[in-house]
PDB file of N, CA and C in Angstrom:
ATOM      1  N   UNK A   1     -32.997   7.767  -1.319  1.00  0.00           N
ATOM      2  CA  UNK A   1     -33.177   7.347   0.056  1.00  0.00           C
ATOM      3  C   UNK A   1     -32.437   6.037   0.330  1.00  0.00           C
ATOM      4  N   UNK A   2     -32.523   5.080  -0.613  1.00  0.00           N
ATOM      5  CA  UNK A   2     -31.828   3.808  -0.440  1.00  0.00           C
ATOM      6  C   UNK A   2     -30.322   4.019  -0.415  1.00  0.00           C
ATOM      7  N   UNK A   3     -29.850   4.916  -1.253  1.00  0.00           N
ATOM      8  CA  UNK A   3     -28.410   5.186  -1.283  1.00  0.00           C
ATOM      9  C   UNK A   3     -27.932   5.745   0.043  1.00  0.00           C
ATOM     10  N   UNK A   4     -28.697   6.647   0.618  1.00  0.00           N
ATOM     11  CA  UNK A   4     -28.313   7.235   1.907  1.00  0.00           C
ATOM     12  C   UNK A   4     -28.281   6.167   2.999  1.00  0.00           C
ATOM     13  N   UNK A   5     -29.237   5.244   2.988  1.00  0.00           N
ATOM     14  CA  UNK A   5     -29.244   4.170   3.977  1.00  0.00           C
ATOM     15  C   UNK A   5     -28.056   3.229   3.791  1.00  0.00           C
ATOM     16  N   UNK A   6     -27.729   2.927   2.547  1.00  0.00           N
ATOM     17  CA  UNK A   6     -26.576   2.070   2.274  1.00  0.00           C
ATOM     18  C   UNK A   6     -25.279   2.725   2.732  1.00  0.00           C
ATOM     19  N   UNK A   7     -25.133   4.001   2.436  1.00  0.00           N
ATOM     20  CA  UNK A   7     -23.928   4.724   2.848  1.00  0.00           C
ATOM     21  C   UNK A   7     -23.842   4.787   4.369  1.00  0.00           C
ATOM     22  N   UNK A   8     -24.956   5.050   5.025  1.00  0.00           N
ATOM     23  CA  UNK A   8     -24.973   5.093   6.489  1.00  0.00           C
ATOM     24  C   UNK A   8     -24.611   3.733   7.085  1.00  0.00           C
ATOM     25  N   UNK A   9     -25.150   2.664   6.526  1.00  0.00           N
ATOM     26  CA  UNK A   9     -24.841   1.320   7.022  1.00  0.00           C
ATOM     27  C   UNK A   9     -23.361   1.002   6.827  1.00  0.00           C
ATOM     28  N   UNK A  10     -22.812   1.340   5.672  1.00  0.00           N
ATOM     29  CA  UNK A  10     -21.392   1.092   5.422  1.00  0.00           C
ATOM     30  C   UNK A  10     -20.520   1.920   6.358  1.00  0.00           C
ATOM     31  N   UNK A  11     -20.922   3.162   6.622  1.00  0.00           N
ATOM     32  CA  UNK A  11     -20.160   4.015   7.529  1.00  0.00           C
ATOM     33  C   UNK A  11     -20.164   3.443   8.938  1.00  0.00           C
ATOM     34  N   UNK A  12     -21.302   2.980   9.399  1.00  0.00           N
ATOM     35  CA  UNK A  12     -21.404   2.415  10.747  1.00  0.00           C
ATOM     36  C   UNK A  12     -20.553   1.151  10.868  1.00  0.00           C
ATOM     37  N   UNK A  13     -20.632   0.279   9.883  1.00  0.00           N
ATOM     38  CA  UNK A  13     -19.825  -0.949   9.910  1.00  0.00           C
ATOM     39  C   UNK A  13     -18.339  -0.608   9.889  1.00  0.00           C
ATOM     40  N   UNK A  14     -17.940   0.350   9.074  1.00  0.00           N
ATOM     41  CA  UNK A  14     -16.533   0.741   9.005  1.00  0.00           C
ATOM     42  C   UNK A  14     -16.053   1.283  10.347  1.00  0.00           C
ATOM     43  N   UNK A  15     -16.834   2.143  10.968  1.00  0.00           N
ATOM     44  CA  UNK A  15     -16.464   2.704  12.273  1.00  0.00           C
ATOM     45  C   UNK A  15     -16.369   1.603  13.323  1.00  0.00           C
ATOM     46  N   UNK A  16     -17.329   0.682  13.316  1.00  0.00           N
ATOM     47  CA  UNK A  16     -17.290  -0.415  14.293  1.00  0.00           C
ATOM     48  C   UNK A  16     -16.071  -1.315  14.089  1.00  0.00           C
ATOM     49  N   UNK A  17     -15.723  -1.594  12.837  1.00  0.00           N
ATOM     50  CA  UNK A  17     -14.546  -2.422  12.570  1.00  0.00           C
ATOM     51  C   UNK A  17     -13.268  -1.728  13.022  1.00  0.00           C
ATOM     52  N   UNK A  18     -13.217  -0.419  12.855  1.00  0.00           N
ATOM     53  CA  UNK A  18     -12.036   0.330  13.296  1.00  0.00           C
ATOM     54  C   UNK A  18     -11.942   0.380  14.817  1.00  0.00           C
ATOM     55  N   UNK A  19     -13.083   0.442  15.497  1.00  0.00           N
ATOM     56  CA  UNK A  19     -13.102   0.558  16.955  1.00  0.00           C
ATOM     57  C   UNK A  19     -12.983  -0.791  17.653  1.00  0.00           C
ATOM     58  N   UNK A  20     -13.264  -1.884  16.967  1.00  0.00           N
ATOM     59  CA  UNK A  20     -13.285  -3.209  17.579  1.00  0.00           C
ATOM     60  C   UNK A  20     -11.991  -3.578  18.310  1.00  0.00           C
ATOM     61  N   UNK A  21     -10.803  -3.383  17.719  1.00  0.00           N
ATOM     62  CA  UNK A  21      -9.586  -3.738  18.461  1.00  0.00           C
ATOM     63  C   UNK A  21      -9.437  -2.959  19.768  1.00  0.00           C
ATOM     64  N   UNK A  22      -9.830  -1.697  19.766  1.00  0.00           N
ATOM     65  CA  UNK A  22      -9.715  -0.898  20.981  1.00  0.00           C
ATOM     66  C   UNK A  22     -10.716  -1.352  22.043  1.00  0.00           C
ATOM     67  N   UNK A  23     -11.856  -1.838  21.597  1.00  0.00           N
ATOM     68  CA  UNK A  23     -12.845  -2.341  22.544  1.00  0.00           C
ATOM     69  C   UNK A  23     -12.441  -3.706  23.104  1.00  0.00           C
ATOM     70  N   UNK A  24     -11.847  -4.545  22.264  1.00  0.00           N
ATOM     71  CA  UNK A  24     -11.454  -5.886  22.704  1.00  0.00           C
ATOM     72  C   UNK A  24     -10.226  -5.877  23.603  1.00  0.00           C
ATOM     73  N   UNK A  25      -9.263  -5.008  23.302  1.00  0.00           N
ATOM     74  CA  UNK A  25      -7.990  -5.004  24.018  1.00  0.00           C
ATOM     75  C   UNK A  25      -7.819  -3.714  24.803  1.00  0.00           C
ATOM     76  N   UNK A  26      -8.729  -3.453  25.712  1.00  0.00           N
ATOM     77  CA  UNK A  26      -8.685  -2.215  26.500  1.00  0.00           C
ATOM     78  C   UNK A  26      -7.489  -2.169  27.436  1.00  0.00           C
ATOM     79  N   UNK A  27      -7.202  -3.281  28.112  1.00  0.00           N
ATOM     80  CA  UNK A  27      -6.163  -3.271  29.139  1.00  0.00           C
ATOM     81  C   UNK A  27      -4.771  -3.436  28.545  1.00  0.00           C
ATOM     82  N   UNK A  28      -4.546  -4.535  27.841  1.00  0.00           N
ATOM     83  CA  UNK A  28      -3.226  -4.801  27.298  1.00  0.00           C
ATOM     84  C   UNK A  28      -3.366  -5.551  25.978  1.00  0.00           C
ATOM     85  N   UNK A  29      -2.530  -5.179  25.039  1.00  0.00           N
ATOM     86  CA  UNK A  29      -2.538  -5.832  23.737  1.00  0.00           C
ATOM     87  C   UNK A  29      -1.846  -7.188  23.860  1.00  0.00           C
ATOM     88  N   UNK A  30      -2.484  -8.266  23.374  1.00  0.00           N
ATOM     89  CA  UNK A  30      -1.844  -9.589  23.428  1.00  0.00           C
ATOM     90  C   UNK A  30      -0.553  -9.619  22.609  1.00  0.00           C
ATOM     91  N   UNK A  31       0.327 -10.504  22.992  1.00  0.00           N
ATOM     92  CA  UNK A  31       1.644 -10.595  22.345  1.00  0.00           C
ATOM     93  C   UNK A  31       1.522 -10.922  20.859  1.00  0.00           C
ATOM     94  N   UNK A  32       0.578 -11.787  20.493  1.00  0.00           N
ATOM     95  CA  UNK A  32       0.463 -12.152  19.078  1.00  0.00           C
ATOM     96  C   UNK A  32      -0.033 -10.978  18.229  1.00  0.00           C
ATOM     97  N   UNK A  33      -0.829 -10.098  18.775  1.00  0.00           N
ATOM     98  CA  UNK A  33      -1.275  -8.915  18.034  1.00  0.00           C
ATOM     99  C   UNK A  33      -0.106  -7.951  17.840  1.00  0.00           C
ATOM    100  N   UNK A  34       0.705  -7.780  18.881  1.00  0.00           N
ATOM    101  CA  UNK A  34       1.902  -6.940  18.762  1.00  0.00           C
ATOM    102  C   UNK A  34       2.857  -7.520  17.722  1.00  0.00           C
ATOM    103  N   UNK A  35       3.019  -8.853  17.738  1.00  0.00           N
ATOM    104  CA  UNK A  35       3.878  -9.515  16.762  1.00  0.00           C
ATOM    105  C   UNK A  35       3.371  -9.281  15.342  1.00  0.00           C
ATOM    106  N   UNK A  36       2.068  -9.448  15.124  1.00  0.00           N
ATOM    107  CA  UNK A  36       1.502  -9.216  13.792  1.00  0.00           C
ATOM    108  C   UNK A  36       1.669  -7.764  13.365  1.00  0.00           C
ATOM    109  N   UNK A  37       1.512  -6.852  14.281  1.00  0.00           N
ATOM    110  CA  UNK A  37       1.706  -5.437  13.965  1.00  0.00           C
ATOM    111  C   UNK A  37       3.129  -5.123  13.577  1.00  0.00           C
ATOM    112  N   UNK A  38       4.070  -5.917  14.060  1.00  0.00           N
ATOM    113  CA  UNK A  38       5.484  -5.709  13.747  1.00  0.00           C
ATOM    114  C   UNK A  38       5.894  -6.368  12.423  1.00  0.00           C
ATOM    115  N   UNK A  39       5.353  -7.547  12.119  1.00  0.00           N
ATOM    116  CA  UNK A  39       5.832  -8.291  10.948  1.00  0.00           C
ATOM    117  C   UNK A  39       4.952  -8.131   9.703  1.00  0.00           C
ATOM    118  N   UNK A  40       3.693  -7.786   9.858  1.00  0.00           N
ATOM    119  CA  UNK A  40       2.820  -7.697   8.687  1.00  0.00           C
ATOM    120  C   UNK A  40       3.159  -6.550   7.733  1.00  0.00           C
ATOM    121  N   UNK A  41       3.465  -5.345   8.201  1.00  0.00           N
ATOM    122  CA  UNK A  41       3.759  -4.279   7.224  1.00  0.00           C
ATOM    123  C   UNK A  41       4.889  -4.613   6.251  1.00  0.00           C
ATOM    124  N   UNK A  42       6.059  -5.110   6.698  1.00  0.00           N
ATOM    125  CA  UNK A  42       7.079  -5.481   5.711  1.00  0.00           C
ATOM    126  C   UNK A  42       6.632  -6.626   4.794  1.00  0.00           C
ATOM    127  N   UNK A  43       5.869  -7.572   5.324  1.00  0.00           N
ATOM    128  CA  UNK A  43       5.390  -8.680   4.496  1.00  0.00           C
ATOM    129  C   UNK A  43       4.434  -8.176   3.417  1.00  0.00           C
ATOM    130  N   UNK A  44       3.577  -7.244   3.775  1.00  0.00           N
ATOM    131  CA  UNK A  44       2.625  -6.695   2.803  1.00  0.00           C
ATOM    132  C   UNK A  44       3.359  -5.902   1.731  1.00  0.00           C
ATOM    133  N   UNK A  45       4.360  -5.119   2.130  1.00  0.00           N
ATOM    134  CA  UNK A  45       5.151  -4.365   1.156  1.00  0.00           C
ATOM    135  C   UNK A  45       5.861  -5.332   0.216  1.00  0.00           C
ATOM    136  N   UNK A  46       6.409  -6.410   0.745  1.00  0.00           N
ATOM    137  CA  UNK A  46       7.057  -7.407  -0.114  1.00  0.00           C
ATOM    138  C   UNK A  46       6.091  -8.017  -1.112  1.00  0.00           C
ATOM    139  N   UNK A  47       4.879  -8.326  -0.659  1.00  0.00           N
ATOM    140  CA  UNK A  47       3.872  -8.874  -1.570  1.00  0.00           C
ATOM    141  C   UNK A  47       3.491  -7.853  -2.644  1.00  0.00           C
ATOM    142  N   UNK A  48       3.395  -6.585  -2.273  1.00  0.00           N
ATOM    143  CA  UNK A  48       3.079  -5.548  -3.256  1.00  0.00           C
ATOM    144  C   UNK A  48       4.181  -5.414  -4.299  1.00  0.00           C
ATOM    145  N   UNK A  49       5.428  -5.517  -3.876  1.00  0.00           N
ATOM    146  CA  UNK A  49       6.544  -5.442  -4.830  1.00  0.00           C
ATOM    147  C   UNK A  49       6.466  -6.592  -5.817  1.00  0.00           C
ATOM    148  N   UNK A  50       6.262  -7.788  -5.309  1.00  0.00           N
ATOM    149  CA  UNK A  50       6.149  -8.958  -6.195  1.00  0.00           C
ATOM    150  C   UNK A  50       4.972  -8.794  -7.157  1.00  0.00           C
ATOM    151  N   UNK A  51       3.829  -8.355  -6.641  1.00  0.00           N
ATOM    152  CA  UNK A  51       2.645  -8.169  -7.480  1.00  0.00           C
ATOM    153  C   UNK A  51       2.885  -7.115  -8.554  1.00  0.00           C
ATOM    154  N   UNK A  52       3.535  -6.023  -8.189  1.00  0.00           N
ATOM    155  CA  UNK A  52       3.747  -4.937  -9.150  1.00  0.00           C
ATOM    156  C   UNK A  52       4.744  -5.320 -10.239  1.00  0.00           C
ATOM    157  N   UNK A  53       5.692  -6.175  -9.922  1.00  0.00           N
ATOM    158  CA  UNK A  53       6.740  -6.514 -10.896  1.00  0.00           C
ATOM    159  C   UNK A  53       6.518  -7.851 -11.589  1.00  0.00           C
ATOM    160  N   UNK A  54       5.431  -8.551 -11.276  1.00  0.00           N
ATOM    161  CA  UNK A  54       5.226  -9.903 -11.817  1.00  0.00           C
ATOM    162  C   UNK A  54       5.009  -9.934 -13.329  1.00  0.00           C
ATOM    163  N   UNK A  55       4.450  -8.890 -13.902  1.00  0.00           N
ATOM    164  CA  UNK A  55       4.178  -8.881 -15.338  1.00  0.00           C
ATOM    165  C   UNK A  55       5.252  -8.166 -16.148  1.00  0.00           C
ATOM    166  N   UNK A  56       6.317  -7.779 -15.502  1.00  0.00           N
ATOM    167  CA  UNK A  56       7.401  -7.092 -16.199  1.00  0.00           C
ATOM    168  C   UNK A  56       8.127  -8.082 -17.112  1.00  0.00           C
ATOM    169  N   UNK A  57       8.408  -7.658 -18.329  1.00  0.00           N
ATOM    170  CA  UNK A  57       9.127  -8.513 -19.280  1.00  0.00           C
ATOM    171  C   UNK A  57      10.440  -7.833 -19.662  1.00  0.00           C
ATOM    172  N   UNK A  58      11.545  -8.219 -19.005  1.00  0.00           N
ATOM    173  CA  UNK A  58      12.820  -7.568 -19.283  1.00  0.00           C
ATOM    174  C   UNK A  58      13.388  -7.874 -20.669  1.00  0.00           C
ATOM    175  N   UNK A  59      12.831  -8.879 -21.359  1.00  0.00           N
ATOM    176  CA  UNK A  59      13.352  -9.227 -22.684  1.00  0.00           C
ATOM    177  C   UNK A  59      12.647  -8.476 -23.813  1.00  0.00           C
ATOM    178  N   UNK A  60      11.562  -7.769 -23.497  1.00  0.00           N
ATOM    179  CA  UNK A  60      10.821  -7.028 -24.510  1.00  0.00           C
ATOM    180  C   UNK A  60      10.816  -5.538 -24.179  1.00  0.00           C
ATOM    181  N   UNK A  61      10.827  -4.691 -25.219  1.00  0.00           N
ATOM    182  CA  UNK A  61      10.766  -3.251 -24.955  1.00  0.00           C
ATOM    183  C   UNK A  61       9.503  -2.909 -24.181  1.00  0.00           C
ATOM    184  N   UNK A  62       9.543  -2.024 -23.260  1.00  0.00           N
ATOM    185  CA  UNK A  62      10.629  -1.137 -22.804  1.00  0.00           C
ATOM    186  C   UNK A  62      11.548  -1.751 -21.763  1.00  0.00           C
ATOM    187  N   UNK A  63      11.657  -3.068 -21.731  1.00  0.00           N
ATOM    188  CA  UNK A  63      12.620  -3.801 -20.915  1.00  0.00           C
ATOM    189  C   UNK A  63      12.448  -3.582 -19.410  1.00  0.00           C
ATOM    190  N   UNK A  64      11.246  -3.251 -18.986  1.00  0.00           N
ATOM    191  CA  UNK A  64      10.987  -3.051 -17.569  1.00  0.00           C
ATOM    192  C   UNK A  64      11.496  -1.737 -17.004  1.00  0.00           C
ATOM    193  N   UNK A  65      11.879  -0.814 -17.889  1.00  0.00           N
ATOM    194  CA  UNK A  65      12.413   0.466 -17.415  1.00  0.00           C
ATOM    195  C   UNK A  65      11.423   1.281 -16.594  1.00  0.00           C
ATOM    196  N   UNK A  66      10.152   1.416 -17.006  1.00  0.00           N
ATOM    197  CA  UNK A  66       9.246   2.207 -16.166  1.00  0.00           C
ATOM    198  C   UNK A  66       9.093   1.631 -14.763  1.00  0.00           C
ATOM    199  N   UNK A  67       9.009   0.311 -14.672  1.00  0.00           N
ATOM    200  CA  UNK A  67       8.853  -0.331 -13.376  1.00  0.00           C
ATOM    201  C   UNK A  67      10.085  -0.134 -12.502  1.00  0.00           C
ATOM    202  N   UNK A  68      11.260  -0.301 -13.101  1.00  0.00           N
ATOM    203  CA  UNK A  68      12.497  -0.171 -12.340  1.00  0.00           C
ATOM    204  C   UNK A  68      12.751   1.274 -11.908  1.00  0.00           C
ATOM    205  N   UNK A  69      12.457   2.225 -12.787  1.00  0.00           N
ATOM    206  CA  UNK A  69      12.632   3.638 -12.433  1.00  0.00           C
ATOM    207  C   UNK A  69      11.677   4.014 -11.302  1.00  0.00           C
ATOM    208  N   UNK A  70      10.430   3.584 -11.408  1.00  0.00           N
ATOM    209  CA  UNK A  70       9.454   3.893 -10.357  1.00  0.00           C
ATOM    210  C   UNK A  70       9.831   3.204  -9.046  1.00  0.00           C
ATOM    211  N   UNK A  71      10.299   1.961  -9.119  1.00  0.00           N
ATOM    212  CA  UNK A  71      10.712   1.247  -7.905  1.00  0.00           C
ATOM    213  C   UNK A  71      11.913   1.936  -7.258  1.00  0.00           C
ATOM    214  N   UNK A  72      12.852   2.395  -8.069  1.00  0.00           N
ATOM    215  CA  UNK A  72      14.005   3.131  -7.528  1.00  0.00           C
ATOM    216  C   UNK A  72      13.553   4.428  -6.869  1.00  0.00           C
ATOM    217  N   UNK A  73      12.577   5.092  -7.468  1.00  0.00           N
ATOM    218  CA  UNK A  73      12.021   6.313  -6.888  1.00  0.00           C
ATOM    219  C   UNK A  73      11.416   6.025  -5.518  1.00  0.00           C
ATOM    220  N   UNK A  74      10.676   4.948  -5.415  1.00  0.00           N
ATOM    221  CA  UNK A  74      10.056   4.578  -4.138  1.00  0.00           C
ATOM    222  C   UNK A  74      11.135   4.319  -3.078  1.00  0.00           C
ATOM    223  N   UNK A  75      12.169   3.587  -3.447  1.00  0.00           N
ATOM    224  CA  UNK A  75      13.239   3.266  -2.490  1.00  0.00           C
ATOM    225  C   UNK A  75      13.963   4.531  -2.041  1.00  0.00           C
ATOM    226  N   UNK A  76      14.284   5.402  -2.991  1.00  0.00           N
ATOM    227  CA  UNK A  76      15.011   6.631  -2.662  1.00  0.00           C
ATOM    228  C   UNK A  76      14.178   7.540  -1.768  1.00  0.00           C
ATOM    229  N   UNK A  77      12.922   7.747  -2.114  1.00  0.00           N
ATOM    230  CA  UNK A  77      12.077   8.632  -1.307  1.00  0.00           C
ATOM    231  C   UNK A  77      11.807   8.022   0.067  1.00  0.00           C
ATOM    232  N   UNK A  78      11.658   6.709   0.132  1.00  0.00           N
ATOM    233  CA  UNK A  78      11.456   6.059   1.429  1.00  0.00           C
ATOM    234  C   UNK A  78      12.695   6.213   2.301  1.00  0.00           C
ATOM    235  N   UNK A  79      13.869   6.036   1.730  1.00  0.00           N
ATOM    236  CA  UNK A  79      15.108   6.191   2.497  1.00  0.00           C
ATOM    237  C   UNK A  79      15.314   7.640   2.930  1.00  0.00           C
ATOM    238  N   UNK A  80      14.894   8.565   2.093  1.00  0.00           N
ATOM    239  CA  UNK A  80      15.099   9.988   2.376  1.00  0.00           C
ATOM    240  C   UNK A  80      14.104  10.531   3.387  1.00  0.00           C
ATOM    241  N   UNK A  81      12.811  10.278   3.160  1.00  0.00           N
ATOM    242  CA  UNK A  81      11.767  10.897   3.973  1.00  0.00           C
ATOM    243  C   UNK A  81      11.125   9.968   5.000  1.00  0.00           C
ATOM    244  N   UNK A  82      11.306   8.653   4.873  1.00  0.00           N
ATOM    245  CA  UNK A  82      10.685   7.674   5.784  1.00  0.00           C
ATOM    246  C   UNK A  82       9.168   7.822   5.844  1.00  0.00           C
ATOM    247  N   UNK A  83       8.565   8.052   4.684  1.00  0.00           N
ATOM    248  CA  UNK A  83       7.116   8.199   4.604  1.00  0.00           C
ATOM    249  C   UNK A  83       6.594   7.241   3.543  1.00  0.00           C
ATOM    250  N   UNK A  84       5.921   6.185   3.996  1.00  0.00           N
ATOM    251  CA  UNK A  84       5.411   5.191   3.053  1.00  0.00           C
ATOM    252  C   UNK A  84       4.394   5.807   2.098  1.00  0.00           C
ATOM    253  N   UNK A  85       3.528   6.660   2.615  1.00  0.00           N
ATOM    254  CA  UNK A  85       2.518   7.282   1.763  1.00  0.00           C
ATOM    255  C   UNK A  85       3.165   8.126   0.669  1.00  0.00           C
ATOM    256  N   UNK A  86       4.132   8.948   1.043  1.00  0.00           N
ATOM    257  CA  UNK A  86       4.802   9.805   0.065  1.00  0.00           C
ATOM    258  C   UNK A  86       5.578   8.984  -0.962  1.00  0.00           C
ATOM    259  N   UNK A  87       6.285   7.963  -0.512  1.00  0.00           N
ATOM    260  CA  UNK A  87       7.088   7.184  -1.450  1.00  0.00           C
ATOM    261  C   UNK A  87       6.225   6.375  -2.407  1.00  0.00           C
ATOM    262  N   UNK A  88       5.166   5.755  -1.913  1.00  0.00           N
ATOM    263  CA  UNK A  88       4.287   4.970  -2.790  1.00  0.00           C
ATOM    264  C   UNK A  88       3.537   5.877  -3.758  1.00  0.00           C
ATOM    265  N   UNK A  89       3.054   7.002  -3.273  1.00  0.00           N
ATOM    266  CA  UNK A  89       2.358   7.952  -4.141  1.00  0.00           C
ATOM    267  C   UNK A  89       3.292   8.491  -5.216  1.00  0.00           C
ATOM    268  N   UNK A  90       4.508   8.846  -4.841  1.00  0.00           N
ATOM    269  CA  UNK A  90       5.479   9.361  -5.811  1.00  0.00           C
ATOM    270  C   UNK A  90       5.823   8.317  -6.866  1.00  0.00           C
ATOM    271  N   UNK A  91       6.050   7.087  -6.420  1.00  0.00           N
ATOM    272  CA  UNK A  91       6.364   6.017  -7.363  1.00  0.00           C
ATOM    273  C   UNK A  91       5.216   5.733  -8.310  1.00  0.00           C
ATOM    274  N   UNK A  92       3.992   5.773  -7.804  1.00  0.00           N
ATOM    275  CA  UNK A  92       2.821   5.533  -8.652  1.00  0.00           C
ATOM    276  C   UNK A  92       2.658   6.638  -9.686  1.00  0.00           C
ATOM    277  N   UNK A  93       2.777   7.882  -9.245  1.00  0.00           N
ATOM    278  CA  UNK A  93       2.649   9.013 -10.176  1.00  0.00           C
ATOM    279  C   UNK A  93       3.754   8.962 -11.221  1.00  0.00           C
ATOM    280  N   UNK A  94       4.991   8.681 -10.793  1.00  0.00           N
ATOM    281  CA  UNK A  94       6.094   8.596 -11.747  1.00  0.00           C
ATOM    282  C   UNK A  94       5.877   7.464 -12.741  1.00  0.00           C
ATOM    283  N   UNK A  95       5.454   6.309 -12.257  1.00  0.00           N
ATOM    284  CA  UNK A  95       5.204   5.178 -13.158  1.00  0.00           C
ATOM    285  C   UNK A  95       4.137   5.517 -14.193  1.00  0.00           C
ATOM    286  N   UNK A  96       3.027   6.094 -13.732  1.00  0.00           N
ATOM    287  CA  UNK A  96       1.953   6.443 -14.672  1.00  0.00           C
ATOM    288  C   UNK A  96       2.429   7.490 -15.681  1.00  0.00           C
ATOM    289  N   UNK A  97       3.215   8.456 -15.239  1.00  0.00           N
ATOM    290  CA  UNK A  97       3.743   9.466 -16.157  1.00  0.00           C
ATOM    291  C   UNK A  97       4.683   8.824 -17.175  1.00  0.00           C
ATOM    292  N   UNK A  98       5.539   7.930 -16.708  1.00  0.00           N
ATOM    293  CA  UNK A  98       6.451   7.258 -17.630  1.00  0.00           C
ATOM    294  C   UNK A  98       5.699   6.411 -18.661  1.00  0.00           C
ATOM    295  N   UNK A  99       4.725   5.668 -18.225  1.00  0.00           N
ATOM    296  CA  UNK A  99       3.976   4.792 -19.133  1.00  0.00           C
ATOM    297  C   UNK A  99       3.154   5.629 -20.133  1.00  0.00           C
ATOM    298  N   UNK A 100       2.565   6.701 -19.662  1.00  0.00           N
ATOM    299  CA  UNK A 100       1.706   7.505 -20.545  1.00  0.00           C
ATOM    300  C   UNK A 100       2.497   8.430 -21.457  1.00  0.00           C
ATOM    301  N   UNK A 101       3.628   8.954 -20.998  1.00  0.00           N
ATOM    302  CA  UNK A 101       4.322   9.992 -21.748  1.00  0.00           C
ATOM    303  C   UNK A 101       5.635   9.551 -22.384  1.00  0.00           C
ATOM    304  N   UNK A 102       6.355   8.646 -21.758  1.00  0.00           N
ATOM    305  CA  UNK A 102       7.698   8.334 -22.241  1.00  0.00           C
ATOM    306  C   UNK A 102       7.806   6.989 -22.939  1.00  0.00           C
ATOM    307  N   UNK A 103       7.095   5.985 -22.462  1.00  0.00           N
ATOM    308  CA  UNK A 103       7.286   4.647 -23.033  1.00  0.00           C
ATOM    309  C   UNK A 103       6.081   4.225 -23.806  1.00  0.00           C
TER     310      UNK A 103
END
């Protein structure tokens, strides 16, 4: 019973957080929100790239090959299909396969 109440409370809070921008900006979206919507996605992707490659050691085997191959996969699929979800998922699956099976 407690678990069901916790899940219900989390679901309600999540729905309210998702609906809040639409409730606050019914008429027109402020310029600063539009600006953030334009500049934050590339900034977040850049931070993810730095975070993913920060522990890579090019001087020690496997010389960063799994990371570089997976990153190249992400870039190629993103350029080809223009789908962030597909490219990130493909790069993650390829990286995990390389680390578990090849390196």
